[in-house]
Amino acid sequence: MLKKLMLAVVALVATMNFALAQVDVNKADAAALDSVNGIGPAKSKAILEERKKGEFKDWNDFEQRVKGVGEKNALKLSAAGLVVNGKAREGAPAAGAAAKPKAAAK
C-alpha cells in the first residue's frame, strides 16, 4: 500500500514539473512551442521562420522580429514558460505562476 502511494506521489510530482517546464524559443520545435499557452500553430510557424534568419538575442529582439508579439504578449508568454536564451522576460511573473494550462482540443 505504501509503495503504491509513494509511486502516485512521484508520478504527480513528475507531471507537475513537466507541465511547468520552460520552452526556449531558440531550441524548441513547433510542438514544444505549441505547448506554450498563447502560442498556436500560426505563431509557432512565424517564430520558426524568423529563427531561420538567426537566433533571437534577447526578448527585445524576439518582440521586434515576430509579428504580433509586443511587450504585453511577451509578458504573458514568459509567464506561460517561454524563455529566450534561458531567460524569462523581465517583469514577468515566474513561469507557471500566472499560466493556465492549455485547454484540451475537443
PDB file of N, CA and C in Angstrom:
ATOM      1  N   MET A   1       0.818  -1.187   0.000  1.00  0.00           N
ATOM      2  CA  MET A   1       0.000   0.000   0.000  1.00  0.00           C
ATOM      3  C   MET A   1       0.866   1.257   0.000  1.00  0.00           C
ATOM      4  N   LEU A   2       1.879   1.277   0.849  1.00  0.00           N
ATOM      5  CA  LEU A   2       2.761   2.429   0.942  1.00  0.00           C
ATOM      6  C   LEU A   2       3.532   2.636  -0.363  1.00  0.00           C
ATOM      7  N   LYS A   3       3.923   1.540  -0.993  1.00  0.00           N
ATOM      8  CA  LYS A   3       4.648   1.646  -2.259  1.00  0.00           C
ATOM      9  C   LYS A   3       3.770   2.287  -3.334  1.00  0.00           C
ATOM     10  N   LYS A   4       2.500   1.908  -3.375  1.00  0.00           N
ATOM     11  CA  LYS A   4       1.584   2.469  -4.363  1.00  0.00           C
ATOM     12  C   LYS A   4       1.374   3.962  -4.125  1.00  0.00           C
ATOM     13  N   LEU A   5       1.257   4.341  -2.870  1.00  0.00           N
ATOM     14  CA  LEU A   5       1.089   5.745  -2.521  1.00  0.00           C
ATOM     15  C   LEU A   5       2.321   6.555  -2.925  1.00  0.00           C
ATOM     16  N   MET A   6       3.495   6.035  -2.632  1.00  0.00           N
ATOM     17  CA  MET A   6       4.742   6.718  -2.996  1.00  0.00           C
ATOM     18  C   MET A   6       4.866   6.839  -4.517  1.00  0.00           C
ATOM     19  N   LEU A   7       4.490   5.789  -5.237  1.00  0.00           N
ATOM     20  CA  LEU A   7       4.544   5.818  -6.695  1.00  0.00           C
ATOM     21  C   LEU A   7       3.600   6.890  -7.242  1.00  0.00           C
ATOM     22  N   ALA A   8       2.420   7.003  -6.650  1.00  0.00           N
ATOM     23  CA  ALA A   8       1.460   8.020  -7.085  1.00  0.00           C
ATOM     24  C   ALA A   8       2.001   9.420  -6.836  1.00  0.00           C
ATOM     25  N   VAL A   9       2.633   9.639  -5.697  1.00  0.00           N
ATOM     26  CA  VAL A   9       3.209  10.942  -5.377  1.00  0.00           C
ATOM     27  C   VAL A   9       4.328  11.287  -6.349  1.00  0.00           C
ATOM     28  N   VAL A  10       5.194  10.340  -6.631  1.00  0.00           N
ATOM     29  CA  VAL A  10       6.302  10.560  -7.570  1.00  0.00           C
ATOM     30  C   VAL A  10       5.762  10.891  -8.961  1.00  0.00           C
ATOM     31  N   ALA A  11       4.747  10.161  -9.399  1.00  0.00           N
ATOM     32  CA  ALA A  11       4.154  10.423 -10.710  1.00  0.00           C
ATOM     33  C   ALA A  11       3.534  11.823 -10.765  1.00  0.00           C
ATOM     34  N   LEU A  12       2.877  12.226  -9.692  1.00  0.00           N
ATOM     35  CA  LEU A  12       2.265  13.550  -9.641  1.00  0.00           C
ATOM     36  C   LEU A  12       3.317  14.650  -9.708  1.00  0.00           C
ATOM     37  N   VAL A  13       4.374  14.499  -8.947  1.00  0.00           N
ATOM     38  CA  VAL A  13       5.456  15.489  -8.948  1.00  0.00           C
ATOM     39  C   VAL A  13       6.113  15.567 -10.322  1.00  0.00           C
ATOM     40  N   ALA A  14       6.358  14.436 -10.939  1.00  0.00           N
ATOM     41  CA  ALA A  14       6.973  14.418 -12.271  1.00  0.00           C
ATOM     42  C   ALA A  14       6.078  15.111 -13.292  1.00  0.00           C
ATOM     43  N   THR A  15       4.791  14.893 -13.204  1.00  0.00           N
ATOM     44  CA  THR A  15       3.842  15.524 -14.120  1.00  0.00           C
ATOM     45  C   THR A  15       3.821  17.031 -13.915  1.00  0.00           C
ATOM     46  N   MET A  16       3.864  17.483 -12.678  1.00  0.00           N
ATOM     47  CA  MET A  16       3.842  18.915 -12.393  1.00  0.00           C
ATOM     48  C   MET A  16       5.094  19.587 -12.937  1.00  0.00           C
ATOM     49  N   ASN A  17       6.239  18.967 -12.779  1.00  0.00           N
ATOM     50  CA  ASN A  17       7.476  19.540 -13.307  1.00  0.00           C
ATOM     51  C   ASN A  17       7.436  19.622 -14.818  1.00  0.00           C
ATOM     52  N   PHE A  18       6.869  18.620 -15.467  1.00  0.00           N
ATOM     53  CA  PHE A  18       6.770  18.638 -16.917  1.00  0.00           C
ATOM     54  C   PHE A  18       5.849  19.765 -17.377  1.00  0.00           C
ATOM     55  N   ALA A  19       4.757  19.975 -16.679  1.00  0.00           N
ATOM     56  CA  ALA A  19       3.784  20.997 -17.058  1.00  0.00           C
ATOM     57  C   ALA A  19       4.364  22.399 -16.918  1.00  0.00           C
ATOM     58  N   LEU A  20       5.295  22.585 -15.996  1.00  0.00           N
ATOM     59  CA  LEU A  20       5.862  23.905 -15.769  1.00  0.00           C
ATOM     60  C   LEU A  20       7.216  24.076 -16.437  1.00  0.00           C
ATOM     61  N   ALA A  21       7.562  23.159 -17.312  1.00  0.00           N
ATOM     62  CA  ALA A  21       8.865  23.211 -17.971  1.00  0.00           C
ATOM     63  C   ALA A  21       8.978  24.454 -18.848  1.00  0.00           C
ATOM     64  N   GLN A  22      10.168  25.005 -18.886  1.00  0.00           N
ATOM     65  CA  GLN A  22      10.404  26.171 -19.721  1.00  0.00           C
ATOM     66  C   GLN A  22      10.695  25.726 -21.149  1.00  0.00           C
ATOM     67  N   VAL A  23      10.276  26.526 -22.094  1.00  0.00           N
ATOM     68  CA  VAL A  23      10.490  26.260 -23.515  1.00  0.00           C
ATOM     69  C   VAL A  23      11.342  27.392 -24.061  1.00  0.00           C
ATOM     70  N   ASP A  24      12.565  27.053 -24.513  1.00  0.00           N
ATOM     71  CA  ASP A  24      13.461  28.077 -25.061  1.00  0.00           C
ATOM     72  C   ASP A  24      13.132  28.286 -26.533  1.00  0.00           C
ATOM     73  N   VAL A  25      12.838  29.528 -26.875  1.00  0.00           N
ATOM     74  CA  VAL A  25      12.417  29.884 -28.223  1.00  0.00           C
ATOM     75  C   VAL A  25      13.500  29.574 -29.265  1.00  0.00           C
ATOM     76  N   ASN A  26      14.759  29.531 -28.858  1.00  0.00           N
ATOM     77  CA  ASN A  26      15.843  29.254 -29.794  1.00  0.00           C
ATOM     78  C   ASN A  26      16.126  27.769 -29.971  1.00  0.00           C
ATOM     79  N   LYS A  27      15.506  26.916 -29.160  1.00  0.00           N
ATOM     80  CA  LYS A  27      15.779  25.481 -29.230  1.00  0.00           C
ATOM     81  C   LYS A  27      14.549  24.643 -29.516  1.00  0.00           C
ATOM     82  N   ALA A  28      13.381  25.178 -29.283  1.00  0.00           N
ATOM     83  CA  ALA A  28      12.139  24.414 -29.360  1.00  0.00           C
ATOM     84  C   ALA A  28      11.706  24.144 -30.795  1.00  0.00           C
ATOM     85  N   ASP A  29      11.053  22.987 -30.975  1.00  0.00           N
ATOM     86  CA  ASP A  29      10.428  22.691 -32.262  1.00  0.00           C
ATOM     87  C   ASP A  29       8.980  23.193 -32.212  1.00  0.00           C
ATOM     88  N   ALA A  30       8.257  22.996 -33.302  1.00  0.00           N
ATOM     89  CA  ALA A  30       6.889  23.515 -33.390  1.00  0.00           C
ATOM     90  C   ALA A  30       5.993  22.940 -32.295  1.00  0.00           C
ATOM     91  N   ALA A  31       6.124  21.653 -32.007  1.00  0.00           N
ATOM     92  CA  ALA A  31       5.287  21.021 -30.989  1.00  0.00           C
ATOM     93  C   ALA A  31       5.544  21.623 -29.611  1.00  0.00           C
ATOM     94  N   ALA A  32       6.803  21.852 -29.291  1.00  0.00           N
ATOM     95  CA  ALA A  32       7.137  22.438 -27.989  1.00  0.00           C
ATOM     96  C   ALA A  32       6.611  23.867 -27.897  1.00  0.00           C
ATOM     97  N   LEU A  33       6.739  24.628 -28.969  1.00  0.00           N
ATOM     98  CA  LEU A  33       6.217  26.000 -28.969  1.00  0.00           C
ATOM     99  C   LEU A  33       4.695  25.996 -28.825  1.00  0.00           C
ATOM    100  N   ASP A  34       4.034  25.071 -29.522  1.00  0.00           N
ATOM    101  CA  ASP A  34       2.572  24.969 -29.441  1.00  0.00           C
ATOM    102  C   ASP A  34       2.105  24.628 -28.037  1.00  0.00           C
ATOM    103  N   SER A  35       2.956  23.999 -27.246  1.00  0.00           N
ATOM    104  CA  SER A  35       2.564  23.607 -25.888  1.00  0.00           C
ATOM    105  C   SER A  35       2.509  24.801 -24.935  1.00  0.00           C
ATOM    106  N   VAL A  36       3.073  25.923 -25.345  1.00  0.00           N
ATOM    107  CA  VAL A  36       3.049  27.130 -24.507  1.00  0.00           C
ATOM    108  C   VAL A  36       1.700  27.826 -24.683  1.00  0.00           C
ATOM    109  N   ASN A  37       1.042  28.095 -23.560  1.00  0.00           N
ATOM    110  CA  ASN A  37      -0.250  28.776 -23.601  1.00  0.00           C
ATOM    111  C   ASN A  37      -0.078  30.139 -24.267  1.00  0.00           C
ATOM    112  N   GLY A  38      -0.848  30.394 -25.327  1.00  0.00           N
ATOM    113  CA  GLY A  38      -0.753  31.664 -26.042  1.00  0.00           C
ATOM    114  C   GLY A  38      -0.066  31.537 -27.385  1.00  0.00           C
ATOM    115  N   ILE A  39       0.528  30.363 -27.657  1.00  0.00           N
ATOM    116  CA  ILE A  39       1.172  30.120 -28.946  1.00  0.00           C
ATOM    117  C   ILE A  39       0.429  28.993 -29.642  1.00  0.00           C
ATOM    118  N   GLY A  40      -0.049  29.289 -30.834  1.00  0.00           N
ATOM    119  CA  GLY A  40      -0.724  28.280 -31.644  1.00  0.00           C
ATOM    120  C   GLY A  40       0.114  27.963 -32.862  1.00  0.00           C
ATOM    121  N   PRO A  41      -0.419  27.190 -33.777  1.00  0.00           N
ATOM    122  CA  PRO A  41       0.337  26.792 -34.970  1.00  0.00           C
ATOM    123  C   PRO A  41       0.840  27.971 -35.815  1.00  0.00           C
ATOM    124  N   ALA A  42       0.028  29.000 -35.978  1.00  0.00           N
ATOM    125  CA  ALA A  42       0.439  30.149 -36.799  1.00  0.00           C
ATOM    126  C   ALA A  42       1.596  30.902 -36.147  1.00  0.00           C
ATOM    127  N   LYS A  43       1.504  31.126 -34.836  1.00  0.00           N
ATOM    128  CA  LYS A  43       2.552  31.864 -34.122  1.00  0.00           C
ATOM    129  C   LYS A  43       3.842  31.039 -34.072  1.00  0.00           C
ATOM    130  N   SER A  44       3.730  29.720 -33.850  1.00  0.00           N
ATOM    131  CA  SER A  44       4.945  28.898 -33.810  1.00  0.00           C
ATOM    132  C   SER A  44       5.616  28.879 -35.183  1.00  0.00           C
ATOM    133  N   LYS A  45       4.818  28.874 -36.253  1.00  0.00           N
ATOM    134  CA  LYS A  45       5.389  28.916 -37.604  1.00  0.00           C
ATOM    135  C   LYS A  45       6.129  30.236 -37.818  1.00  0.00           C
ATOM    136  N   ALA A  46       5.534  31.346 -37.376  1.00  0.00           N
ATOM    137  CA  ALA A  46       6.180  32.656 -37.518  1.00  0.00           C
ATOM    138  C   ALA A  46       7.484  32.706 -36.728  1.00  0.00           C
ATOM    139  N   ILE A  47       7.485  32.117 -35.530  1.00  0.00           N
ATOM    140  CA  ILE A  47       8.699  32.088 -34.706  1.00  0.00           C
ATOM    141  C   ILE A  47       9.785  31.282 -35.397  1.00  0.00           C
ATOM    142  N   LEU A  48       9.426  30.101 -35.906  1.00  0.00           N
ATOM    143  CA  LEU A  48      10.424  29.246 -36.568  1.00  0.00           C
ATOM    144  C   LEU A  48      10.961  29.895 -37.844  1.00  0.00           C
ATOM    145  N   GLU A  49      10.104  30.605 -38.581  1.00  0.00           N
ATOM    146  CA  GLU A  49      10.554  31.293 -39.800  1.00  0.00           C
ATOM    147  C   GLU A  49      11.565  32.388 -39.454  1.00  0.00           C
ATOM    148  N   GLU A  50      11.283  33.160 -38.413  1.00  0.00           N
ATOM    149  CA  GLU A  50      12.216  34.210 -38.008  1.00  0.00           C
ATOM    150  C   GLU A  50      13.511  33.627 -37.461  1.00  0.00           C
ATOM    151  N   ARG A  51      13.405  32.499 -36.770  1.00  0.00           N
ATOM    152  CA  ARG A  51      14.598  31.873 -36.191  1.00  0.00           C
ATOM    153  C   ARG A  51      15.550  31.357 -37.271  1.00  0.00           C
ATOM    154  N   LYS A  52      14.999  31.027 -38.445  1.00  0.00           N
ATOM    155  CA  LYS A  52      15.851  30.588 -39.568  1.00  0.00           C
ATOM    156  C   LYS A  52      16.833  31.684 -39.968  1.00  0.00           C
ATOM    157  N   LYS A  53      16.441  32.933 -39.737  1.00  0.00           N
ATOM    158  CA  LYS A  53      17.296  34.078 -40.083  1.00  0.00           C
ATOM    159  C   LYS A  53      18.399  34.286 -39.058  1.00  0.00           C
ATOM    160  N   GLY A  54      18.280  33.633 -37.914  1.00  0.00           N
ATOM    161  CA  GLY A  54      19.265  33.750 -36.842  1.00  0.00           C
ATOM    162  C   GLY A  54      18.569  33.636 -35.502  1.00  0.00           C
ATOM    163  N   GLU A  55      19.290  33.154 -34.509  1.00  0.00           N
ATOM    164  CA  GLU A  55      18.708  33.000 -33.179  1.00  0.00           C
ATOM    165  C   GLU A  55      18.304  34.361 -32.613  1.00  0.00           C
ATOM    166  N   PHE A  56      17.322  34.326 -31.734  1.00  0.00           N
ATOM    167  CA  PHE A  56      16.889  35.542 -31.050  1.00  0.00           C
ATOM    168  C   PHE A  56      17.914  35.866 -29.965  1.00  0.00           C
ATOM    169  N   LYS A  57      18.375  37.117 -29.948  1.00  0.00           N
ATOM    170  CA  LYS A  57      19.408  37.532 -28.987  1.00  0.00           C
ATOM    171  C   LYS A  57      18.844  37.702 -27.589  1.00  0.00           C
ATOM    172  N   ASP A  58      17.647  38.296 -27.516  1.00  0.00           N
ATOM    173  CA  ASP A  58      17.013  38.576 -26.237  1.00  0.00           C
ATOM    174  C   ASP A  58      15.522  38.813 -26.481  1.00  0.00           C
ATOM    175  N   TRP A  59      14.809  39.140 -25.426  1.00  0.00           N
ATOM    176  CA  TRP A  59      13.373  39.362 -25.563  1.00  0.00           C
ATOM    177  C   TRP A  59      13.054  40.531 -26.488  1.00  0.00           C
ATOM    178  N   ASN A  60      13.838  41.583 -26.427  1.00  0.00           N
ATOM    179  CA  ASN A  60      13.605  42.735 -27.288  1.00  0.00           C
ATOM    180  C   ASN A  60      13.711  42.326 -28.760  1.00  0.00           C
ATOM    181  N   ASP A  61      14.721  41.554 -29.096  1.00  0.00           N
ATOM    182  CA  ASP A  61      14.909  41.059 -30.460  1.00  0.00           C
ATOM    183  C   ASP A  61      13.715  40.194 -30.869  1.00  0.00           C
ATOM    184  N   PHE A  62      13.271  39.325 -29.967  1.00  0.00           N
ATOM    185  CA  PHE A  62      12.126  38.450 -30.229  1.00  0.00           C
ATOM    186  C   PHE A  62      10.870  39.272 -30.508  1.00  0.00           C
ATOM    187  N   GLU A  63      10.612  40.276 -29.682  1.00  0.00           N
ATOM    188  CA  GLU A  63       9.422  41.116 -29.840  1.00  0.00           C
ATOM    189  C   GLU A  63       9.445  41.895 -31.155  1.00  0.00           C
ATOM    190  N   GLN A  64      10.611  42.354 -31.560  1.00  0.00           N
ATOM    191  CA  GLN A  64      10.713  43.139 -32.793  1.00  0.00           C
ATOM    192  C   GLN A  64      10.563  42.275 -34.038  1.00  0.00           C
ATOM    193  N   ARG A  65      11.051  41.053 -33.990  1.00  0.00           N
ATOM    194  CA  ARG A  65      11.073  40.210 -35.185  1.00  0.00           C
ATOM    195  C   ARG A  65       9.823  39.368 -35.409  1.00  0.00           C
ATOM    196  N   VAL A  66       9.100  39.035 -34.351  1.00  0.00           N
ATOM    197  CA  VAL A  66       7.910  38.184 -34.503  1.00  0.00           C
ATOM    198  C   VAL A  66       6.660  39.053 -34.464  1.00  0.00           C
ATOM    199  N   LYS A  67       5.958  39.079 -35.584  1.00  0.00           N
ATOM    200  CA  LYS A  67       4.754  39.890 -35.710  1.00  0.00           C
ATOM    201  C   LYS A  67       3.705  39.431 -34.704  1.00  0.00           C
ATOM    202  N   GLY A  68       3.092  40.389 -34.018  1.00  0.00           N
ATOM    203  CA  GLY A  68       2.047  40.079 -33.060  1.00  0.00           C
ATOM    204  C   GLY A  68       2.548  39.868 -31.641  1.00  0.00           C
ATOM    205  N   VAL A  69       3.861  39.938 -31.451  1.00  0.00           N
ATOM    206  CA  VAL A  69       4.410  39.808 -30.099  1.00  0.00           C
ATOM    207  C   VAL A  69       4.953  41.164 -29.674  1.00  0.00           C
ATOM    208  N   GLY A  70       4.225  41.783 -28.775  1.00  0.00           N
ATOM    209  CA  GLY A  70       4.672  43.042 -28.201  1.00  0.00           C
ATOM    210  C   GLY A  70       4.991  42.819 -26.735  1.00  0.00           C
ATOM    211  N   GLU A  71       5.163  43.894 -26.018  1.00  0.00           N
ATOM    212  CA  GLU A  71       5.543  43.786 -24.599  1.00  0.00           C
ATOM    213  C   GLU A  71       4.499  43.020 -23.788  1.00  0.00           C
ATOM    214  N   LYS A  72       3.226  43.362 -23.977  1.00  0.00           N
ATOM    215  CA  LYS A  72       2.159  42.729 -23.208  1.00  0.00           C
ATOM    216  C   LYS A  72       2.085  41.223 -23.488  1.00  0.00           C
ATOM    217  N   ASN A  73       2.129  40.864 -24.767  1.00  0.00           N
ATOM    218  CA  ASN A  73       2.078  39.451 -25.155  1.00  0.00           C
ATOM    219  C   ASN A  73       3.329  38.720 -24.678  1.00  0.00           C
ATOM    220  N   ALA A  74       4.473  39.375 -24.755  1.00  0.00           N
ATOM    221  CA  ALA A  74       5.726  38.754 -24.315  1.00  0.00           C
ATOM    222  C   ALA A  74       5.679  38.436 -22.823  1.00  0.00           C
ATOM    223  N   LEU A  75       5.099  39.322 -22.040  1.00  0.00           N
ATOM    224  CA  LEU A  75       4.960  39.072 -20.601  1.00  0.00           C
ATOM    225  C   LEU A  75       4.092  37.843 -20.342  1.00  0.00           C
ATOM    226  N   LYS A  76       3.008  37.713 -21.102  1.00  0.00           N
ATOM    227  CA  LYS A  76       2.124  36.550 -20.953  1.00  0.00           C
ATOM    228  C   LYS A  76       2.833  35.266 -21.367  1.00  0.00           C
ATOM    229  N   LEU A  77       3.564  35.324 -22.478  1.00  0.00           N
ATOM    230  CA  LEU A  77       4.272  34.128 -22.954  1.00  0.00           C
ATOM    231  C   LEU A  77       5.354  33.709 -21.968  1.00  0.00           C
ATOM    232  N   SER A  78       6.045  34.678 -21.418  1.00  0.00           N
ATOM    233  CA  SER A  78       7.086  34.377 -20.437  1.00  0.00           C
ATOM    234  C   SER A  78       6.479  33.747 -19.186  1.00  0.00           C
ATOM    235  N   ALA A  79       5.338  34.272 -18.746  1.00  0.00           N
ATOM    236  CA  ALA A  79       4.659  33.711 -17.580  1.00  0.00           C
ATOM    237  C   ALA A  79       4.186  32.289 -17.853  1.00  0.00           C
ATOM    238  N   ALA A  80       3.919  31.982 -19.129  1.00  0.00           N
ATOM    239  CA  ALA A  80       3.473  30.644 -19.514  1.00  0.00           C
ATOM    240  C   ALA A  80       4.642  29.671 -19.694  1.00  0.00           C
ATOM    241  N   GLY A  81       5.872  30.160 -19.581  1.00  0.00           N
ATOM    242  CA  GLY A  81       7.025  29.257 -19.642  1.00  0.00           C
ATOM    243  C   GLY A  81       7.971  29.469 -20.807  1.00  0.00           C
ATOM    244  N   LEU A  82       7.715  30.442 -21.675  1.00  0.00           N
ATOM    245  CA  LEU A  82       8.611  30.699 -22.799  1.00  0.00           C
ATOM    246  C   LEU A  82       9.823  31.500 -22.325  1.00  0.00           C
ATOM    247  N   VAL A  83      11.003  31.109 -22.762  1.00  0.00           N
ATOM    248  CA  VAL A  83      12.232  31.824 -22.424  1.00  0.00           C
ATOM    249  C   VAL A  83      13.025  32.092 -23.698  1.00  0.00           C
ATOM    250  N   VAL A  84      13.868  33.125 -23.647  1.00  0.00           N
ATOM    251  CA  VAL A  84      14.789  33.430 -24.744  1.00  0.00           C
ATOM    252  C   VAL A  84      16.194  33.293 -24.178  1.00  0.00           C
ATOM    253  N   ASN A  85      16.947  32.362 -24.736  1.00  0.00           N
ATOM    254  CA  ASN A  85      18.300  32.063 -24.247  1.00  0.00           C
ATOM    255  C   ASN A  85      18.299  31.750 -22.752  1.00  0.00           C
ATOM    256  N   GLY A  86      17.281  31.012 -22.316  1.00  0.00           N
ATOM    257  CA  GLY A  86      17.201  30.589 -20.925  1.00  0.00           C
ATOM    258  C   GLY A  86      16.723  31.649 -19.954  1.00  0.00           C
ATOM    259  N   LYS A  87      16.319  32.817 -20.458  1.00  0.00           N
ATOM    260  CA  LYS A  87      15.912  33.914 -19.568  1.00  0.00           C
ATOM    261  C   LYS A  87      14.440  34.256 -19.779  1.00  0.00           C
ATOM    262  N   ALA A  88      13.744  34.430 -18.659  1.00  0.00           N
ATOM    263  CA  ALA A  88      12.362  34.889 -18.703  1.00  0.00           C
ATOM    264  C   ALA A  88      12.351  36.377 -19.026  1.00  0.00           C
ATOM    265  N   ARG A  89      11.227  36.869 -19.486  1.00  0.00           N
ATOM    266  CA  ARG A  89      11.067  38.290 -19.793  1.00  0.00           C
ATOM    267  C   ARG A  89      11.090  39.071 -18.494  1.00  0.00           C
ATOM    268  N   GLU A  90      11.875  40.116 -18.457  1.00  0.00           N
ATOM    269  CA  GLU A  90      11.952  40.956 -17.266  1.00  0.00           C
ATOM    270  C   GLU A  90      10.578  41.531 -16.964  1.00  0.00           C
ATOM    271  N   GLY A  91      10.164  41.425 -15.708  1.00  0.00           N
ATOM    272  CA  GLY A  91       8.874  41.935 -15.298  1.00  0.00           C
ATOM    273  C   GLY A  91       7.759  40.912 -15.357  1.00  0.00           C
ATOM    274  N   ALA A  92       8.042  39.721 -15.895  1.00  0.00           N
ATOM    275  CA  ALA A  92       7.021  38.680 -15.969  1.00  0.00           C
ATOM    276  C   ALA A  92       7.012  37.866 -14.682  1.00  0.00           C
ATOM    277  N   PRO A  93       5.836  37.398 -14.267  1.00  0.00           N
ATOM    278  CA  PRO A  93       5.799  36.522 -13.094  1.00  0.00           C
ATOM    279  C   PRO A  93       6.511  35.208 -13.409  1.00  0.00           C
ATOM    280  N   ALA A  94       6.887  34.482 -12.385  1.00  0.00           N
ATOM    281  CA  ALA A  94       7.582  33.203 -12.572  1.00  0.00           C
ATOM    282  C   ALA A  94       6.733  32.279 -13.431  1.00  0.00           C
ATOM    283  N   ALA A  95       7.386  31.477 -14.254  1.00  0.00           N
ATOM    284  CA  ALA A  95       6.686  30.547 -15.138  1.00  0.00           C
ATOM    285  C   ALA A  95       5.751  29.674 -14.333  1.00  0.00           C
ATOM    286  N   GLY A  96       4.514  29.581 -14.793  1.00  0.00           N
ATOM    287  CA  GLY A  96       3.527  28.762 -14.124  1.00  0.00           C
ATOM    288  C   GLY A  96       2.728  29.524 -13.078  1.00  0.00           C
ATOM    289  N   ALA A  97       3.239  30.640 -12.592  1.00  0.00           N
ATOM    290  CA  ALA A  97       2.536  31.387 -11.549  1.00  0.00           C
ATOM    291  C   ALA A  97       1.236  31.974 -12.073  1.00  0.00           C
ATOM    292  N   ALA A  98       1.274  32.519 -13.296  1.00  0.00           N
ATOM    293  CA  ALA A  98       0.066  33.114 -13.862  1.00  0.00           C
ATOM    294  C   ALA A  98      -0.435  32.329 -15.058  1.00  0.00           C
ATOM    295  N   ALA A  99       0.257  31.247 -15.372  1.00  0.00           N
ATOM    296  CA  ALA A  99      -0.103  30.480 -16.560  1.00  0.00           C
ATOM    297  C   ALA A  99      -1.258  29.535 -16.270  1.00  0.00           C
ATOM    298  N   LYS A 100      -2.161  29.434 -17.217  1.00  0.00           N
ATOM    299  CA  LYS A 100      -3.248  28.480 -17.115  1.00  0.00           C
ATOM    300  C   LYS A 100      -2.946  27.352 -18.081  1.00  0.00           C
ATOM    301  N   PRO A 101      -3.270  26.115 -17.750  1.00  0.00           N
ATOM    302  CA  PRO A 101      -2.991  25.020 -18.672  1.00  0.00           C
ATOM    303  C   PRO A 101      -3.742  25.215 -19.976  1.00  0.00           C
ATOM    304  N   LYS A 102      -3.129  24.829 -21.055  1.00  0.00           N
ATOM    305  CA  LYS A 102      -3.750  24.941 -22.360  1.00  0.00           C
ATOM    306  C   LYS A 102      -4.956  24.016 -22.420  1.00  0.00           C
ATOM    307  N   ALA A 103      -6.072  24.522 -22.915  1.00  0.00           N
ATOM    308  CA  ALA A 103      -7.280  23.728 -22.980  1.00  0.00           C
ATOM    309  C   ALA A 103      -7.099  22.571 -23.945  1.00  0.00           C
ATOM    310  N   ALA A 104      -7.643  21.432 -23.588  1.00  0.00           N
ATOM    311  CA  ALA A 104      -7.551  20.254 -24.449  1.00  0.00           C
ATOM    312  C   ALA A 104      -8.453  20.437 -25.659  1.00  0.00           C
ATOM    313  N   ALA A 105      -7.982  19.981 -26.796  1.00  0.00           N
ATOM    314  CA  ALA A 105      -8.762  20.095 -28.030  1.00  0.00           C
ATOM    315  C   ALA A 105      -9.939  19.137 -27.962  1.00  0.00           C
ATOM    316  N   LYS A 106     -11.071  19.589 -28.480  1.00  0.00           N
ATOM    317  CA  LYS A 106     -12.272  18.727 -28.467  1.00  0.00           C
ATOM    318  C   LYS A 106     -12.394  17.990 -29.758  1.00  0.00           C
TER     319      LYS A 106
END
